[in-house]
Amino acid sequence: MRATPGARRIHSSGAQVLFVDDVLTTGATLAEAHRCLAGHGLVVCGAVVLASTTAPSGNR
């Protein structure tokens, strides 16, 4: 993931964010979103997941 030029900007470094994801399987999406946003100075406070499922075999 990367921030795109047209994305809404959060002007304050250190702004806090909370991730909301529909389904957690391997956690890769949350990890990548964290990497991207933290790399831009945002503070990730946590994540909320609405449902989880078993990871596909070989991804545990």
N, C-alpha and C. Protein backbone atom coordinates (compact mmCIF):
# COMPACT_ATOMS: atom_id res chain seq x y z
N MET A 1 0.84 -1.17 0.00
CA MET A 1 0.00 0.00 0.00
C MET A 1 0.88 1.23 0.00
N ARG A 2 0.32 2.32 -0.52
CA ARG A 2 0.99 3.60 -0.43
C ARG A 2 -0.07 4.69 -0.47
N ALA A 3 0.26 5.80 0.12
CA ALA A 3 -0.65 6.94 0.08
C ALA A 3 -0.62 7.52 -1.32
N THR A 4 -1.77 7.87 -1.85
CA THR A 4 -1.83 8.43 -3.20
C THR A 4 -1.88 9.96 -3.13
N PRO A 5 -1.40 10.62 -4.16
CA PRO A 5 -1.38 12.09 -4.15
C PRO A 5 -2.75 12.74 -3.92
N GLY A 6 -3.82 12.13 -4.38
CA GLY A 6 -5.14 12.72 -4.22
C GLY A 6 -5.82 12.39 -2.90
N ALA A 7 -5.16 11.61 -2.06
CA ALA A 7 -5.77 11.21 -0.80
C ALA A 7 -5.92 12.42 0.13
N ARG A 8 -6.94 12.38 0.96
CA ARG A 8 -7.13 13.44 1.95
C ARG A 8 -5.94 13.43 2.90
N ARG A 9 -5.40 14.56 3.15
CA ARG A 9 -4.21 14.66 3.99
C ARG A 9 -4.57 14.94 5.44
N ILE A 10 -3.86 14.29 6.32
CA ILE A 10 -3.94 14.60 7.74
C ILE A 10 -2.72 15.46 8.03
N HIS A 11 -2.95 16.69 8.38
CA HIS A 11 -1.87 17.66 8.43
C HIS A 11 -1.02 17.58 9.69
N SER A 12 -1.44 16.87 10.67
CA SER A 12 -0.67 16.86 11.91
C SER A 12 0.03 15.52 12.09
N SER A 13 1.35 15.57 12.10
CA SER A 13 2.12 14.37 12.41
C SER A 13 1.76 13.95 13.83
N GLY A 14 1.61 12.68 14.05
CA GLY A 14 1.20 12.19 15.36
C GLY A 14 -0.30 12.02 15.49
N ALA A 15 -1.05 12.33 14.42
CA ALA A 15 -2.51 12.12 14.45
C ALA A 15 -2.79 10.65 14.72
N GLN A 16 -3.83 10.38 15.48
CA GLN A 16 -4.16 9.02 15.85
C GLN A 16 -5.18 8.42 14.90
N VAL A 17 -5.00 7.13 14.57
CA VAL A 17 -5.94 6.44 13.69
C VAL A 17 -6.33 5.10 14.31
N LEU A 18 -7.51 4.65 13.95
CA LEU A 18 -8.02 3.34 14.36
C LEU A 18 -8.42 2.62 13.08
N PHE A 19 -7.89 1.43 12.87
CA PHE A 19 -8.24 0.65 11.69
C PHE A 19 -9.55 -0.09 11.93
N VAL A 20 -10.37 -0.16 10.90
CA VAL A 20 -11.58 -0.99 10.91
C VAL A 20 -11.50 -1.86 9.67
N ASP A 21 -11.53 -3.17 9.86
CA ASP A 21 -11.44 -4.12 8.75
C ASP A 21 -12.63 -5.06 8.82
N ASP A 22 -13.10 -5.50 7.65
CA ASP A 22 -14.27 -6.36 7.64
C ASP A 22 -13.95 -7.79 8.07
N VAL A 23 -12.89 -8.38 7.52
CA VAL A 23 -12.54 -9.77 7.83
C VAL A 23 -11.04 -9.89 8.05
N LEU A 24 -10.67 -10.56 9.13
CA LEU A 24 -9.26 -10.84 9.42
C LEU A 24 -8.96 -12.28 9.05
N THR A 25 -8.01 -12.48 8.15
CA THR A 25 -7.59 -13.84 7.79
C THR A 25 -6.14 -14.03 8.25
N THR A 26 -5.21 -13.37 7.60
CA THR A 26 -3.80 -13.53 7.96
C THR A 26 -3.25 -12.32 8.72
N GLY A 27 -3.94 -11.19 8.65
CA GLY A 27 -3.45 -9.97 9.28
C GLY A 27 -2.56 -9.15 8.36
N ALA A 28 -2.32 -9.63 7.15
CA ALA A 28 -1.41 -8.94 6.22
C ALA A 28 -1.92 -7.55 5.83
N THR A 29 -3.22 -7.39 5.64
CA THR A 29 -3.77 -6.08 5.27
C THR A 29 -3.57 -5.08 6.39
N LEU A 30 -3.87 -5.48 7.62
CA LEU A 30 -3.68 -4.57 8.76
C LEU A 30 -2.20 -4.23 8.93
N ALA A 31 -1.34 -5.21 8.77
CA ALA A 31 0.10 -4.96 8.92
C ALA A 31 0.61 -3.97 7.87
N GLU A 32 0.15 -4.13 6.64
CA GLU A 32 0.60 -3.24 5.57
C GLU A 32 0.02 -1.84 5.74
N ALA A 33 -1.23 -1.74 6.15
CA ALA A 33 -1.83 -0.43 6.40
C ALA A 33 -1.08 0.28 7.54
N HIS A 34 -0.73 -0.46 8.56
CA HIS A 34 0.05 0.10 9.68
C HIS A 34 1.39 0.61 9.18
N ARG A 35 2.08 -0.18 8.38
CA ARG A 35 3.39 0.22 7.85
C ARG A 35 3.28 1.52 7.06
N CYS A 36 2.28 1.58 6.21
CA CYS A 36 2.10 2.74 5.34
C CYS A 36 1.77 4.00 6.15
N LEU A 37 0.81 3.92 7.04
CA LEU A 37 0.39 5.10 7.79
C LEU A 37 1.42 5.53 8.82
N ALA A 38 2.02 4.57 9.51
CA ALA A 38 3.06 4.92 10.48
C ALA A 38 4.26 5.56 9.78
N GLY A 39 4.52 5.14 8.56
CA GLY A 39 5.60 5.73 7.79
C GLY A 39 5.35 7.18 7.44
N HIS A 40 4.10 7.62 7.54
CA HIS A 40 3.74 9.02 7.28
C HIS A 40 3.51 9.78 8.58
N GLY A 41 3.93 9.19 9.71
CA GLY A 41 3.86 9.90 10.98
C GLY A 41 2.58 9.76 11.76
N LEU A 42 1.67 8.90 11.31
CA LEU A 42 0.43 8.70 12.06
C LEU A 42 0.63 7.67 13.16
N VAL A 43 -0.11 7.79 14.23
CA VAL A 43 -0.03 6.86 15.36
C VAL A 43 -1.22 5.91 15.28
N VAL A 44 -0.93 4.64 15.11
CA VAL A 44 -1.99 3.63 15.03
C VAL A 44 -2.33 3.20 16.46
N CYS A 45 -3.57 3.49 16.87
CA CYS A 45 -4.00 3.21 18.25
C CYS A 45 -4.58 1.82 18.42
N GLY A 46 -5.03 1.22 17.32
CA GLY A 46 -5.61 -0.11 17.43
C GLY A 46 -6.36 -0.48 16.17
N ALA A 47 -7.02 -1.63 16.25
CA ALA A 47 -7.78 -2.13 15.11
C ALA A 47 -9.04 -2.83 15.61
N VAL A 48 -10.09 -2.70 14.82
CA VAL A 48 -11.35 -3.39 15.07
C VAL A 48 -11.62 -4.27 13.86
N VAL A 49 -11.92 -5.54 14.11
CA VAL A 49 -12.21 -6.46 13.02
C VAL A 49 -13.61 -7.01 13.26
N LEU A 50 -14.43 -7.00 12.21
CA LEU A 50 -15.81 -7.42 12.35
C LEU A 50 -15.99 -8.94 12.34
N ALA A 51 -15.10 -9.66 11.66
CA ALA A 51 -15.18 -11.12 11.61
C ALA A 51 -13.78 -11.66 11.37
N SER A 52 -13.55 -12.91 11.72
CA SER A 52 -12.28 -13.55 11.44
C SER A 52 -12.53 -14.91 10.82
N THR A 53 -11.53 -15.41 10.13
CA THR A 53 -11.63 -16.72 9.52
C THR A 53 -10.28 -17.41 9.65
N THR A 54 -10.28 -18.69 9.45
CA THR A 54 -9.04 -19.45 9.52
C THR A 54 -8.17 -19.12 8.32
N ALA A 55 -6.89 -18.90 8.57
CA ALA A 55 -5.96 -18.60 7.48
C ALA A 55 -5.88 -19.79 6.53
N PRO A 56 -5.70 -19.51 5.23
CA PRO A 56 -5.52 -20.61 4.28
C PRO A 56 -4.33 -21.46 4.69
N SER A 57 -4.35 -22.75 4.38
CA SER A 57 -3.25 -23.62 4.78
C SER A 57 -1.94 -23.11 4.19
N GLY A 58 -0.90 -23.17 4.98
CA GLY A 58 0.41 -22.69 4.56
C GLY A 58 0.67 -21.26 4.97
N ASN A 59 -0.32 -20.54 5.52
CA ASN A 59 -0.14 -19.14 5.93
C ASN A 59 -0.23 -18.95 7.44
N ARG A 60 0.07 -19.95 8.19
CA ARG A 60 -0.09 -19.83 9.64
C ARG A 60 1.15 -19.37 10.30
